[in-house]
PDB file of all heavy atoms in Angstrom:
ATOM      1  N   HIS A   1      94.714  81.987 103.384  1.00  0.00           N
ATOM      2  CA  HIS A   1      93.948  82.953 102.656  1.00  0.00           C
ATOM      3  C   HIS A   1      92.432  82.557 102.524  1.00  0.00           C
ATOM      4  O   HIS A   1      91.638  83.398 102.556  1.00  0.00           O
ATOM      5  CB  HIS A   1      94.488  83.128 101.164  1.00  0.00           C
ATOM      6  CG  HIS A   1      95.755  83.893 101.080  1.00  0.00           C
ATOM      7  ND1 HIS A   1      95.609  85.301 101.130  1.00  0.00           N
ATOM      8  CD2 HIS A   1      97.014  83.653 101.130  1.00  0.00           C
ATOM      9  CE1 HIS A   1      96.837  85.844 101.078  1.00  0.00           C
ATOM     10  NE2 HIS A   1      97.702  84.858 101.092  1.00  0.00           N
ATOM     11  N   ILE A   2      92.158  81.286 102.404  1.00  0.00           N
ATOM     12  CA  ILE A   2      90.791  80.769 102.482  1.00  0.00           C
ATOM     13  C   ILE A   2      90.033  80.969 103.688  1.00  0.00           C
ATOM     14  O   ILE A   2      88.954  81.528 103.625  1.00  0.00           O
ATOM     15  CB  ILE A   2      90.788  79.276 102.109  1.00  0.00           C
ATOM     16  CG1 ILE A   2      91.183  78.953 100.589  1.00  0.00           C
ATOM     17  CG2 ILE A   2      89.365  78.696 102.340  1.00  0.00           C
ATOM     18  CD1 ILE A   2      91.462  77.500 100.291  1.00  0.00           C
ATOM     19  N   SER A   3      90.768  80.838 104.860  1.00  0.00           N
ATOM     20  CA  SER A   3      90.091  81.066 106.123  1.00  0.00           C
ATOM     21  C   SER A   3      89.968  82.500 106.486  1.00  0.00           C
ATOM     22  O   SER A   3      89.174  82.879 107.277  1.00  0.00           O
ATOM     23  CB  SER A   3      90.882  80.308 107.233  1.00  0.00           C
ATOM     24  OG  SER A   3      92.136  80.876 107.421  1.00  0.00           O
ATOM     25  N   SER A   4      90.921  83.400 105.965  1.00  0.00           N
ATOM     26  CA  SER A   4      90.849  84.794 106.313  1.00  0.00           C
ATOM     27  C   SER A   4      89.734  85.512 105.586  1.00  0.00           C
ATOM     28  O   SER A   4      89.327  86.609 106.078  1.00  0.00           O
ATOM     29  CB  SER A   4      92.264  85.384 106.124  1.00  0.00           C
ATOM     30  OG  SER A   4      92.512  85.555 104.730  1.00  0.00           O
ATOM     31  N   GLY A   5      89.339  85.000 104.509  1.00  0.00           N
ATOM     32  CA  GLY A   5      88.212  85.662 103.718  1.00  0.00           C
ATOM     33  C   GLY A   5      88.677  86.972 103.016  1.00  0.00           C
ATOM     34  O   GLY A   5      89.865  87.397 103.276  1.00  0.00           O
ATOM     35  N   PRO A   6      87.821  87.603 102.309  1.00  0.00           N
ATOM     36  CA  PRO A   6      88.211  88.809 101.692  1.00  0.00           C
ATOM     37  C   PRO A   6      88.367  89.959 102.734  1.00  0.00           C
ATOM     38  O   PRO A   6      87.366  90.227 103.510  1.00  0.00           O
ATOM     39  CB  PRO A   6      86.991  89.102 100.735  1.00  0.00           C
ATOM     40  CG  PRO A   6      85.847  88.329 101.336  1.00  0.00           C
ATOM     41  CD  PRO A   6      86.434  87.181 102.029  1.00  0.00           C
ATOM     42  N   SER A   7      89.491  90.527 102.890  1.00  0.00           N
ATOM     43  CA  SER A   7      89.740  91.549 103.844  1.00  0.00           C
ATOM     44  C   SER A   7      90.196  92.833 103.252  1.00  0.00           C
ATOM     45  O   SER A   7      90.533  93.737 103.944  1.00  0.00           O
ATOM     46  CB  SER A   7      90.768  91.013 104.938  1.00  0.00           C
ATOM     47  OG  SER A   7      91.873  90.752 104.291  1.00  0.00           O
ATOM     48  N   THR A   8      90.274  92.824 101.954  1.00  0.00           N
ATOM     49  CA  THR A   8      90.684  94.159 101.322  1.00  0.00           C
ATOM     50  C   THR A   8      89.541  94.977 100.980  1.00  0.00           C
ATOM     51  O   THR A   8      88.426  94.575 100.678  1.00  0.00           O
ATOM     52  CB  THR A   8      91.522  93.859 100.061  1.00  0.00           C
ATOM     53  OG1 THR A   8      90.746  93.153  99.117  1.00  0.00           O
ATOM     54  CG2 THR A   8      92.790  93.002 100.355  1.00  0.00           C
ATOM     55  N   GLN A   9      89.690  96.279 100.990  1.00  0.00           N
ATOM     56  CA  GLN A   9      88.763  97.268 100.637  1.00  0.00           C
ATOM     57  C   GLN A   9      88.992  97.697  99.202  1.00  0.00           C
ATOM     58  O   GLN A   9      90.145  97.811  98.780  1.00  0.00           O
ATOM     59  CB  GLN A   9      88.822  98.507 101.644  1.00  0.00           C
ATOM     60  CG  GLN A   9      88.480  98.131 102.995  1.00  0.00           C
ATOM     61  CD  GLN A   9      87.148  97.888 103.233  1.00  0.00           C
ATOM     62  OE1 GLN A   9      86.257  98.370 102.592  1.00  0.00           O
ATOM     63  NE2 GLN A   9      86.785  96.893 104.194  1.00  0.00           N
ATOM     64  N   PRO A  10      87.940  98.017  98.451  1.00  0.00           N
ATOM     65  CA  PRO A  10      88.121  98.542  97.078  1.00  0.00           C
ATOM     66  C   PRO A  10      88.791  99.927  97.226  1.00  0.00           C
ATOM     67  O   PRO A  10      88.710 100.652  98.291  1.00  0.00           O
ATOM     68  CB  PRO A  10      86.800  98.599  96.479  1.00  0.00           C
ATOM     69  CG  PRO A  10      85.853  98.651  97.709  1.00  0.00           C
ATOM     70  CD  PRO A  10      86.584  97.870  98.813  1.00  0.00           C
ATOM     71  N   ILE A  11      89.629 100.280  96.185  1.00  0.00           N
ATOM     72  CA  ILE A  11      90.253 101.603  96.157  1.00  0.00           C
ATOM     73  C   ILE A  11      89.220 102.598  95.921  1.00  0.00           C
ATOM     74  O   ILE A  11      88.382 102.563  95.077  1.00  0.00           O
ATOM     75  CB  ILE A  11      91.234 101.602  95.085  1.00  0.00           C
ATOM     76  CG1 ILE A  11      92.391 100.617  95.366  1.00  0.00           C
ATOM     77  CG2 ILE A  11      91.872 103.015  94.928  1.00  0.00           C
ATOM     78  CD1 ILE A  11      93.403 100.437  94.192  1.00  0.00           C
ATOM     79  N   PRO A  12      89.194 103.703  96.785  1.00  0.00           N
ATOM     80  CA  PRO A  12      88.137 104.736  96.833  1.00  0.00           C
ATOM     81  C   PRO A  12      88.422 105.595  95.433  1.00  0.00           C
ATOM     82  O   PRO A  12      89.532 105.809  95.086  1.00  0.00           O
ATOM     83  CB  PRO A  12      88.248 105.542  98.009  1.00  0.00           C
ATOM     84  CG  PRO A  12      89.625 105.399  98.442  1.00  0.00           C
ATOM     85  CD  PRO A  12      90.130 103.934  97.994  1.00  0.00           C
ATOM     86  N   ARG A  13      87.280 106.073  94.878  1.00  0.00           N
ATOM     87  CA  ARG A  13      87.368 106.992  93.756  1.00  0.00           C
ATOM     88  C   ARG A  13      87.914 108.389  94.312  1.00  0.00           C
ATOM     89  O   ARG A  13      87.441 108.806  95.367  1.00  0.00           O
ATOM     90  CB  ARG A  13      86.016 107.090  93.146  1.00  0.00           C
ATOM     91  CG  ARG A  13      85.969 108.166  92.038  1.00  0.00           C
ATOM     92  CD  ARG A  13      84.758 108.000  91.182  1.00  0.00           C
ATOM     93  NE  ARG A  13      85.153 107.067  90.192  1.00  0.00           N
ATOM     94  CZ  ARG A  13      84.379 106.412  89.386  1.00  0.00           C
ATOM     95  NH1 ARG A  13      83.110 106.555  89.475  1.00  0.00           N
ATOM     96  NH2 ARG A  13      84.776 105.553  88.509  1.00  0.00           N
ATOM     97  N   ILE A  14      88.816 108.965  93.545  1.00  0.00           N
ATOM     98  CA  ILE A  14      89.404 110.249  93.987  1.00  0.00           C
ATOM     99  C   ILE A  14      88.357 111.311  93.479  1.00  0.00           C
ATOM    100  O   ILE A  14      88.046 111.394  92.333  1.00  0.00           O
ATOM    101  CB  ILE A  14      90.757 110.431  93.390  1.00  0.00           C
ATOM    102  CG1 ILE A  14      91.717 109.396  93.941  1.00  0.00           C
ATOM    103  CG2 ILE A  14      91.341 111.763  93.733  1.00  0.00           C
ATOM    104  CD1 ILE A  14      93.095 109.288  93.367  1.00  0.00           C
ATOM    105  N   VAL A  15      87.966 112.211  94.448  1.00  0.00           N
ATOM    106  CA  VAL A  15      87.056 113.233  94.077  1.00  0.00           C
ATOM    107  C   VAL A  15      87.528 114.487  94.735  1.00  0.00           C
ATOM    108  O   VAL A  15      88.311 114.537  95.692  1.00  0.00           O
ATOM    109  CB  VAL A  15      85.547 112.874  94.649  1.00  0.00           C
ATOM    110  CG1 VAL A  15      84.956 111.725  93.988  1.00  0.00           C
ATOM    111  CG2 VAL A  15      85.706 112.697  96.129  1.00  0.00           C
ATOM    112  N   PRO A  16      87.171 115.570  94.167  1.00  0.00           N
ATOM    113  CA  PRO A  16      87.596 116.875  94.748  1.00  0.00           C
ATOM    114  C   PRO A  16      87.043 117.053  96.212  1.00  0.00           C
ATOM    115  O   PRO A  16      85.970 116.571  96.523  1.00  0.00           O
ATOM    116  CB  PRO A  16      86.917 117.962  93.870  1.00  0.00           C
ATOM    117  CG  PRO A  16      86.513 117.171  92.585  1.00  0.00           C
ATOM    118  CD  PRO A  16      86.352 115.793  92.994  1.00  0.00           C
ATOM    119  N   GLY A  17      87.835 117.705  97.049  1.00  0.00           N
ATOM    120  CA  GLY A  17      87.487 117.814  98.460  1.00  0.00           C
ATOM    121  C   GLY A  17      87.647 116.633  99.362  1.00  0.00           C
ATOM    122  O   GLY A  17      87.303 116.593 100.486  1.00  0.00           O
ATOM    123  N   MET A  18      88.349 115.606  98.689  1.00  0.00           N
ATOM    124  CA  MET A  18      88.507 114.390  99.476  1.00  0.00           C
ATOM    125  C   MET A  18      89.555 114.658 100.680  1.00  0.00           C
ATOM    126  O   MET A  18      90.582 115.382 100.416  1.00  0.00           O
ATOM    127  CB  MET A  18      89.064 113.353  98.526  1.00  0.00           C
ATOM    128  CG  MET A  18      89.166 111.952  99.078  1.00  0.00           C
ATOM    129  SD  MET A  18      89.694 110.880  97.625  1.00  0.00           S
ATOM    130  CE  MET A  18      89.131 109.400  98.372  1.00  0.00           C
ATOM    131  N   SER A  19      89.317 114.109 101.767  1.00  0.00           N
ATOM    132  CA  SER A  19      90.224 114.278 102.964  1.00  0.00           C
ATOM    133  C   SER A  19      91.345 113.363 102.830  1.00  0.00           C
ATOM    134  O   SER A  19      91.340 112.413 102.131  1.00  0.00           O
ATOM    135  CB  SER A  19      89.522 114.065 104.331  1.00  0.00           C
ATOM    136  OG  SER A  19      89.028 112.725 104.311  1.00  0.00           O
ATOM    137  N   ALA A  20      92.503 113.779 103.555  1.00  0.00           N
ATOM    138  CA  ALA A  20      93.741 112.902 103.530  1.00  0.00           C
ATOM    139  C   ALA A  20      93.475 111.567 104.146  1.00  0.00           C
ATOM    140  O   ALA A  20      92.564 111.446 105.101  1.00  0.00           O
ATOM    141  CB  ALA A  20      94.785 113.698 104.224  1.00  0.00           C
ATOM    142  N   PRO A  21      94.230 110.521 103.755  1.00  0.00           N
ATOM    143  CA  PRO A  21      94.053 109.240 104.439  1.00  0.00           C
ATOM    144  C   PRO A  21      94.579 109.316 105.851  1.00  0.00           C
ATOM    145  O   PRO A  21      95.347 110.212 106.274  1.00  0.00           O
ATOM    146  CB  PRO A  21      95.004 108.275 103.571  1.00  0.00           C
ATOM    147  CG  PRO A  21      95.898 109.249 102.929  1.00  0.00           C
ATOM    148  CD  PRO A  21      95.244 110.529 102.731  1.00  0.00           C
ATOM    149  N   PRO A  22      94.051 108.381 106.715  1.00  0.00           N
ATOM    150  CA  PRO A  22      94.500 108.312 108.222  1.00  0.00           C
ATOM    151  C   PRO A  22      96.026 108.033 108.197  1.00  0.00           C
ATOM    152  O   PRO A  22      96.576 107.435 107.288  1.00  0.00           O
ATOM    153  CB  PRO A  22      93.743 107.296 108.771  1.00  0.00           C
ATOM    154  CG  PRO A  22      93.298 106.421 107.599  1.00  0.00           C
ATOM    155  CD  PRO A  22      93.187 107.282 106.371  1.00  0.00           C
ATOM    156  N   GLU A  23      96.562 108.582 109.284  1.00  0.00           N
ATOM    157  CA  GLU A  23      98.031 108.269 109.596  1.00  0.00           C
ATOM    158  C   GLU A  23      98.278 106.785 109.671  1.00  0.00           C
ATOM    159  O   GLU A  23      97.409 105.956 110.064  1.00  0.00           O
ATOM    160  CB  GLU A  23      98.350 108.936 110.857  1.00  0.00           C
ATOM    161  CG  GLU A  23      98.411 110.450 110.801  1.00  0.00           C
ATOM    162  CD  GLU A  23      99.493 110.901 109.747  1.00  0.00           C
ATOM    163  OE1 GLU A  23     100.631 110.288 109.737  1.00  0.00           O
ATOM    164  OE2 GLU A  23      99.208 111.944 109.099  1.00  0.00           O
ATOM    165  N   TYR A  24      99.393 106.332 109.347  1.00  0.00           N
ATOM    166  CA  TYR A  24      99.937 104.955 109.410  1.00  0.00           C
ATOM    167  C   TYR A  24      99.862 104.496 110.798  1.00  0.00           C
ATOM    168  O   TYR A  24     100.346 105.185 111.745  1.00  0.00           O
ATOM    169  CB  TYR A  24     101.289 104.793 108.788  1.00  0.00           C
ATOM    170  CG  TYR A  24     101.821 103.414 108.951  1.00  0.00           C
ATOM    171  CD1 TYR A  24     101.417 102.357 108.195  1.00  0.00           C
ATOM    172  CD2 TYR A  24     102.800 103.162 109.933  1.00  0.00           C
ATOM    173  CE1 TYR A  24     101.871 101.127 108.268  1.00  0.00           C
ATOM    174  CE2 TYR A  24     103.331 101.894 110.030  1.00  0.00           C
ATOM    175  CZ  TYR A  24     102.803 100.917 109.333  1.00  0.00           C
ATOM    176  OH  TYR A  24     103.307  99.578 109.523  1.00  0.00           O
ATOM    177  N   SER A  25      99.261 103.398 111.055  1.00  0.00           N
ATOM    178  CA  SER A  25      99.177 102.751 112.423  1.00  0.00           C
ATOM    179  C   SER A  25     100.331 101.930 112.682  1.00  0.00           C
ATOM    180  O   SER A  25     100.953 101.219 111.875  1.00  0.00           O
ATOM    181  CB  SER A  25      97.917 101.887 112.456  1.00  0.00           C
ATOM    182  OG  SER A  25      97.834 101.260 113.731  1.00  0.00           O
ATOM    183  N   ALA A  26     100.854 101.949 113.928  1.00  0.00           N
ATOM    184  CA  ALA A  26     102.003 101.079 114.243  1.00  0.00           C
ATOM    185  C   ALA A  26     101.694  99.634 114.340  1.00  0.00           C
ATOM    186  O   ALA A  26     102.523  98.794 114.232  1.00  0.00           O
ATOM    187  CB  ALA A  26     102.558 101.568 115.707  1.00  0.00           C
ATOM    188  N   THR A  27     100.372  99.316 114.560  1.00  0.00           N
ATOM    189  CA  THR A  27     100.098  97.858 114.501  1.00  0.00           C
ATOM    190  C   THR A  27      99.909  97.560 113.131  1.00  0.00           C
ATOM    191  O   THR A  27      99.107  98.034 112.302  1.00  0.00           O
ATOM    192  CB  THR A  27      98.680  97.635 115.293  1.00  0.00           C
ATOM    193  OG1 THR A  27      97.653  98.428 114.745  1.00  0.00           O
ATOM    194  CG2 THR A  27      98.900  98.050 116.771  1.00  0.00           C
ATOM    195  N   ARG A  28     100.587  96.412 112.717  1.00  0.00           N
ATOM    196  CA  ARG A  28     100.592  95.977 111.291  1.00  0.00           C
ATOM    197  C   ARG A  28      99.807  94.739 111.100  1.00  0.00           C
ATOM    198  O   ARG A  28     100.059  93.796 111.876  1.00  0.00           O
ATOM    199  CB  ARG A  28     102.025  95.834 110.923  1.00  0.00           C
ATOM    200  CG  ARG A  28     102.331  95.442 109.483  1.00  0.00           C
ATOM    201  CD  ARG A  28     103.820  95.545 109.353  1.00  0.00           C
ATOM    202  NE  ARG A  28     104.546  94.558 108.634  1.00  0.00           N
ATOM    203  CZ  ARG A  28     104.481  93.273 108.341  1.00  0.00           C
ATOM    204  NH1 ARG A  28     103.436  92.692 108.788  1.00  0.00           N
ATOM    205  NH2 ARG A  28     105.190  92.650 107.668  1.00  0.00           N
ATOM    206  N   GLN A  29      98.953  94.634 110.182  1.00  0.00           N
ATOM    207  CA  GLN A  29      98.168  93.411 109.917  1.00  0.00           C
ATOM    208  C   GLN A  29      98.912  92.685 108.944  1.00  0.00           C
ATOM    209  O   GLN A  29      99.389  93.040 107.940  1.00  0.00           O
ATOM    210  CB  GLN A  29      96.806  93.788 109.367  1.00  0.00           C
ATOM    211  CG  GLN A  29      95.905  92.612 109.110  1.00  0.00           C
ATOM    212  CD  GLN A  29      94.554  93.016 108.491  1.00  0.00           C
ATOM    213  OE1 GLN A  29      94.363  94.241 108.211  1.00  0.00           O
ATOM    214  NE2 GLN A  29      93.702  92.038 108.333  1.00  0.00           N
ATOM    215  N   ALA A  30      98.955  91.281 109.333  1.00  0.00           N
ATOM    216  CA  ALA A  30      99.623  90.394 108.383  1.00  0.00           C
ATOM    217  C   ALA A  30      98.826  90.260 107.044  1.00  0.00           C
ATOM    218  O   ALA A  30      97.714  90.268 107.001  1.00  0.00           O
ATOM    219  CB  ALA A  30      99.762  89.042 109.002  1.00  0.00           C
ATOM    220  N   ARG A  31      99.626  90.291 106.022  1.00  0.00           N
ATOM    221  CA  ARG A  31      99.045  90.218 104.621  1.00  0.00           C
ATOM    222  C   ARG A  31      99.082  88.767 104.180  1.00  0.00           C
ATOM    223  O   ARG A  31      98.392  88.448 103.206  1.00  0.00           O
ATOM    224  CB  ARG A  31      99.891  91.019 103.685  1.00  0.00           C
ATOM    225  CG  ARG A  31      99.934  92.453 103.888  1.00  0.00           C
ATOM    226  CD  ARG A  31     100.910  93.246 103.069  1.00  0.00           C
ATOM    227  NE  ARG A  31     102.235  92.649 103.477  1.00  0.00           N
ATOM    228  CZ  ARG A  31     103.260  93.070 102.856  1.00  0.00           C
ATOM    229  NH1 ARG A  31     103.347  93.967 101.944  1.00  0.00           N
ATOM    230  NH2 ARG A  31     104.510  92.635 103.228  1.00  0.00           N
ATOM    231  N   SER A  32      99.763  87.870 104.769  1.00  0.00           N
ATOM    232  CA  SER A  32      99.764  86.445 104.396  1.00  0.00           C
ATOM    233  C   SER A  32     100.232  85.594 105.529  1.00  0.00           C
ATOM    234  O   SER A  32     100.774  86.117 106.631  1.00  0.00           O
ATOM    235  CB  SER A  32     100.657  86.297 103.242  1.00  0.00           C
ATOM    236  OG  SER A  32     102.073  86.545 103.565  1.00  0.00           O
ATOM    237  N   TYR A  33     100.104  84.341 105.414  1.00  0.00           N
ATOM    238  CA  TYR A  33     100.525  83.387 106.444  1.00  0.00           C
ATOM    239  C   TYR A  33     102.090  83.450 106.566  1.00  0.00           C
ATOM    240  O   TYR A  33     102.520  83.514 107.651  1.00  0.00           O
ATOM    241  CB  TYR A  33     100.137  81.929 105.951  1.00  0.00           C
ATOM    242  CG  TYR A  33     100.620  80.884 106.916  1.00  0.00           C
ATOM    243  CD1 TYR A  33     100.084  80.703 108.181  1.00  0.00           C
ATOM    244  CD2 TYR A  33     101.701  80.009 106.583  1.00  0.00           C
ATOM    245  CE1 TYR A  33     100.516  79.706 109.080  1.00  0.00           C
ATOM    246  CE2 TYR A  33     102.088  78.984 107.389  1.00  0.00           C
ATOM    247  CZ  TYR A  33     101.648  78.864 108.605  1.00  0.00           C
ATOM    248  OH  TYR A  33     102.024  77.936 109.498  1.00  0.00           O
ATOM    249  N   LEU A  34     102.811  83.568 105.457  1.00  0.00           N
ATOM    250  CA  LEU A  34     104.241  83.669 105.573  1.00  0.00           C
ATOM    251  C   LEU A  34     104.714  84.983 106.169  1.00  0.00           C
ATOM    252  O   LEU A  34     105.700  85.033 106.905  1.00  0.00           O
ATOM    253  CB  LEU A  34     104.894  83.549 104.200  1.00  0.00           C
ATOM    254  CG  LEU A  34     104.695  82.194 103.542  1.00  0.00           C
ATOM    255  CD1 LEU A  34     105.341  82.225 102.125  1.00  0.00           C
ATOM    256  CD2 LEU A  34     105.366  81.143 104.354  1.00  0.00           C
ATOM    257  N   ASP A  35     103.870  85.940 106.034  1.00  0.00           N
ATOM    258  CA  ASP A  35     104.090  87.359 106.631  1.00  0.00           C
ATOM    259  C   ASP A  35     103.955  87.132 108.186  1.00  0.00           C
ATOM    260  O   ASP A  35     104.778  87.726 108.949  1.00  0.00           O
ATOM    261  CB  ASP A  35     103.148  88.317 106.161  1.00  0.00           C
ATOM    262  CG  ASP A  35     103.593  89.705 106.506  1.00  0.00           C
ATOM    263  OD1 ASP A  35     104.743  89.956 106.749  1.00  0.00           O
ATOM    264  OD2 ASP A  35     102.655  90.648 106.461  1.00  0.00           O
ATOM    265  N   GLU A  36     102.972  86.354 108.691  1.00  0.00           N
ATOM    266  CA  GLU A  36     102.902  85.942 110.116  1.00  0.00           C
ATOM    267  C   GLU A  36     104.067  85.206 110.567  1.00  0.00           C
ATOM    268  O   GLU A  36     104.555  85.495 111.694  1.00  0.00           O
ATOM    269  CB  GLU A  36     101.620  85.213 110.344  1.00  0.00           C
ATOM    270  CG  GLU A  36     100.347  86.017 110.266  1.00  0.00           C
ATOM    271  CD  GLU A  36      99.108  85.187 110.635  1.00  0.00           C
ATOM    272  OE1 GLU A  36      99.266  84.001 110.816  1.00  0.00           O
ATOM    273  OE2 GLU A  36      98.009  85.766 110.637  1.00  0.00           O
ATOM    274  N   LEU A  37     104.594  84.322 109.811  1.00  0.00           N
ATOM    275  CA  LEU A  37     105.624  83.482 110.254  1.00  0.00           C
ATOM    276  C   LEU A  37     106.951  84.167 110.250  1.00  0.00           C
ATOM    277  O   LEU A  37     107.780  84.126 111.253  1.00  0.00           O
ATOM    278  CB  LEU A  37     105.792  82.245 109.335  1.00  0.00           C
ATOM    279  CG  LEU A  37     104.866  81.133 109.303  1.00  0.00           C
ATOM    280  CD1 LEU A  37     105.148  80.017 108.415  1.00  0.00           C
ATOM    281  CD2 LEU A  37     104.801  80.584 110.704  1.00  0.00           C
ATOM    282  N   PHE A  38     107.306  85.044 109.236  1.00  0.00           N
ATOM    283  CA  PHE A  38     108.617  85.626 109.065  1.00  0.00           C
ATOM    284  C   PHE A  38     108.591  87.171 109.282  1.00  0.00           C
ATOM    285  O   PHE A  38     109.682  87.697 109.388  1.00  0.00           O
ATOM    286  CB  PHE A  38     109.211  85.304 107.777  1.00  0.00           C
ATOM    287  CG  PHE A  38     109.476  83.750 107.572  1.00  0.00           C
ATOM    288  CD1 PHE A  38     108.571  83.057 106.768  1.00  0.00           C
ATOM    289  CD2 PHE A  38     110.483  83.091 108.099  1.00  0.00           C
ATOM    290  CE1 PHE A  38     108.746  81.681 106.599  1.00  0.00           C
ATOM    291  CE2 PHE A  38     110.694  81.776 107.986  1.00  0.00           C
ATOM    292  CZ  PHE A  38     109.847  81.107 107.129  1.00  0.00           C
TER     293      PHE A  38
END
């Protein structure tokens, strides 16, 4: 976690006319070291 640095984005404010989020990508980013291992 120390070496990966801050990689999260703040949650966007919901406003009228907001577009839908992008489709889920098949490539999954590890959320933690243990996630990478297991």
